[in-house]
């Protein structure tokens, strides 16, 4: 990932390629140690019976200070609020969300200075 970023592209860590949230945290830290260039994280939301620990993955991404997050698969609406607050503006700003819930969540998260996400 860092080789791509160092060459002027955008290197991307595939979140689900990491076996655990701890592995993802390690990969993020390793990329930051190797390069000061931006690196993205991809999270694919799969329709599955035994879903990965998406809340833990999102927490690792936020705690790791990642500023570029790309999603794929199912609708990421359940985590978009958390990512908007932690990361900033999102490219996919058209996902449906009740504005009242966003305001409430934003106020709660800013007061707590962290984000917890629930993924269905």
Protein backbone atom coordinates (compact mmCIF):
# COMPACT_ATOMS: atom_id res chain seq x y z
CA UNK A 1 0.00 0.00 0.00
CA UNK A 2 2.68 2.48 0.93
CA UNK A 3 4.61 1.88 -2.31
CA UNK A 4 1.55 3.01 -4.26
CA UNK A 5 1.07 6.05 -2.03
CA UNK A 6 4.76 6.94 -2.19
CA UNK A 7 4.56 6.78 -5.99
CA UNK A 8 1.72 9.33 -6.02
CA UNK A 9 -1.26 6.98 -6.03
CA UNK A 10 -3.58 6.05 -3.22
CA UNK A 11 -2.59 2.81 -1.51
CA UNK A 12 -5.52 0.97 0.03
CA UNK A 13 -5.60 -1.50 2.90
CA UNK A 14 -8.29 -4.14 2.42
CA UNK A 15 -9.93 -4.29 5.84
CA UNK A 16 -11.43 -7.75 5.50
CA UNK A 17 -8.14 -9.21 4.31
CA UNK A 18 -6.95 -8.79 7.89
CA UNK A 19 -8.08 -11.72 10.03
CA UNK A 20 -8.88 -9.65 13.13
CA UNK A 21 -9.38 -5.99 14.07
CA UNK A 22 -5.98 -6.20 15.83
CA UNK A 23 -4.39 -7.29 12.54
CA UNK A 24 -5.98 -4.30 10.83
CA UNK A 25 -4.66 -2.00 13.55
CA UNK A 26 -1.19 -3.47 13.04
CA UNK A 27 -1.41 -2.95 9.26
CA UNK A 28 -2.52 0.67 9.70
CA UNK A 29 0.32 1.35 12.16
CA UNK A 30 2.84 -0.32 9.87
CA UNK A 31 1.74 1.83 6.90
CA UNK A 32 2.01 4.98 9.01
CA UNK A 33 5.51 3.96 10.17
CA UNK A 34 6.70 3.37 6.61
CA UNK A 35 5.24 6.45 4.91
CA UNK A 36 3.72 9.84 5.64
CA UNK A 37 1.64 9.68 2.43
CA UNK A 38 -2.14 9.10 2.59
CA UNK A 39 -3.40 5.52 2.65
CA UNK A 40 -7.05 4.45 2.48
CA UNK A 41 -8.90 1.56 4.10
CA UNK A 42 -11.57 -0.43 2.28
CA UNK A 43 -14.37 -2.11 4.22
CA UNK A 44 -16.69 -4.41 2.31
CA UNK A 45 -20.04 -5.03 3.96
CA UNK A 46 -20.98 -8.56 3.04
CA UNK A 47 -24.43 -10.13 3.32
CA UNK A 48 -23.53 -13.08 5.49
CA UNK A 49 -24.78 -15.06 8.45
CA UNK A 50 -21.47 -14.79 10.33
CA UNK A 51 -20.49 -11.18 9.67
CA UNK A 52 -17.05 -9.89 10.59
CA UNK A 53 -16.83 -7.66 13.65
CA UNK A 54 -17.68 -4.51 11.71
CA UNK A 55 -18.00 -2.26 14.77
CA UNK A 56 -14.50 -3.26 15.88
CA UNK A 57 -13.10 -2.72 12.38
CA UNK A 58 -14.66 0.75 12.20
CA UNK A 59 -13.29 1.57 15.66
CA UNK A 60 -9.80 0.49 14.58
CA UNK A 61 -10.05 2.65 11.46
CA UNK A 62 -11.12 5.66 13.51
CA UNK A 63 -8.60 5.04 16.30
CA UNK A 64 -5.88 4.57 13.67
CA UNK A 65 -6.56 8.07 12.39
CA UNK A 66 -7.46 6.95 8.89
CA UNK A 67 -8.91 9.84 6.89
CA UNK A 68 -9.88 7.97 3.72
CA UNK A 69 -12.36 5.10 3.96
CA UNK A 70 -13.90 3.36 0.97
CA UNK A 71 -16.85 1.04 1.37
CA UNK A 72 -18.24 -1.64 -0.90
CA UNK A 73 -20.94 -4.29 -0.83
CA UNK A 74 -24.04 -3.54 1.20
CA UNK A 75 -25.27 -0.08 2.09
CA UNK A 76 -22.85 1.43 4.66
CA UNK A 77 -25.53 3.74 6.13
CA UNK A 78 -25.26 2.26 9.66
CA UNK A 79 -21.62 3.38 9.95
CA UNK A 80 -21.64 6.52 7.83
CA UNK A 81 -22.57 8.72 10.78
CA UNK A 82 -19.61 7.46 12.78
CA UNK A 83 -17.23 7.90 9.88
CA UNK A 84 -18.49 11.38 9.01
CA UNK A 85 -17.92 12.56 12.57
CA UNK A 86 -14.52 10.91 12.95
CA UNK A 87 -13.14 11.28 9.43
CA UNK A 88 -14.94 14.33 8.06
CA UNK A 89 -16.86 14.80 4.84
CA UNK A 90 -17.59 11.69 2.85
CA UNK A 91 -17.74 11.23 -0.91
CA UNK A 92 -20.86 9.06 -0.64
CA UNK A 93 -22.89 11.78 1.01
CA UNK A 94 -26.17 10.63 -0.51
CA UNK A 95 -26.85 7.60 1.68
CA UNK A 96 -30.23 7.86 3.36
CA UNK A 97 -30.13 9.00 6.96
CA UNK A 98 -32.62 10.79 9.19
CA UNK A 99 -31.20 14.26 9.90
CA UNK A 100 -32.64 14.25 13.42
CA UNK A 101 -30.78 11.04 14.24
CA UNK A 102 -27.57 12.47 12.75
CA UNK A 103 -27.81 15.58 14.93
CA UNK A 104 -28.42 13.52 18.04
CA UNK A 105 -25.61 11.08 17.24
CA UNK A 106 -23.20 13.89 16.42
CA UNK A 107 -23.94 15.64 19.71
CA UNK A 108 -23.53 12.41 21.67
CA UNK A 109 -20.27 11.46 19.93
CA UNK A 110 -18.77 14.93 20.26
CA UNK A 111 -19.61 14.87 23.98
CA UNK A 112 -18.06 11.42 24.38
CA UNK A 113 -15.22 12.18 21.92
CA UNK A 114 -15.53 8.76 20.33
CA UNK A 115 -17.83 6.75 18.13
CA UNK A 116 -19.55 3.43 18.57
CA UNK A 117 -21.22 1.93 15.56
CA UNK A 118 -23.90 -0.69 15.26
CA UNK A 119 -23.91 -2.59 12.00
CA UNK A 120 -26.94 -4.67 11.06
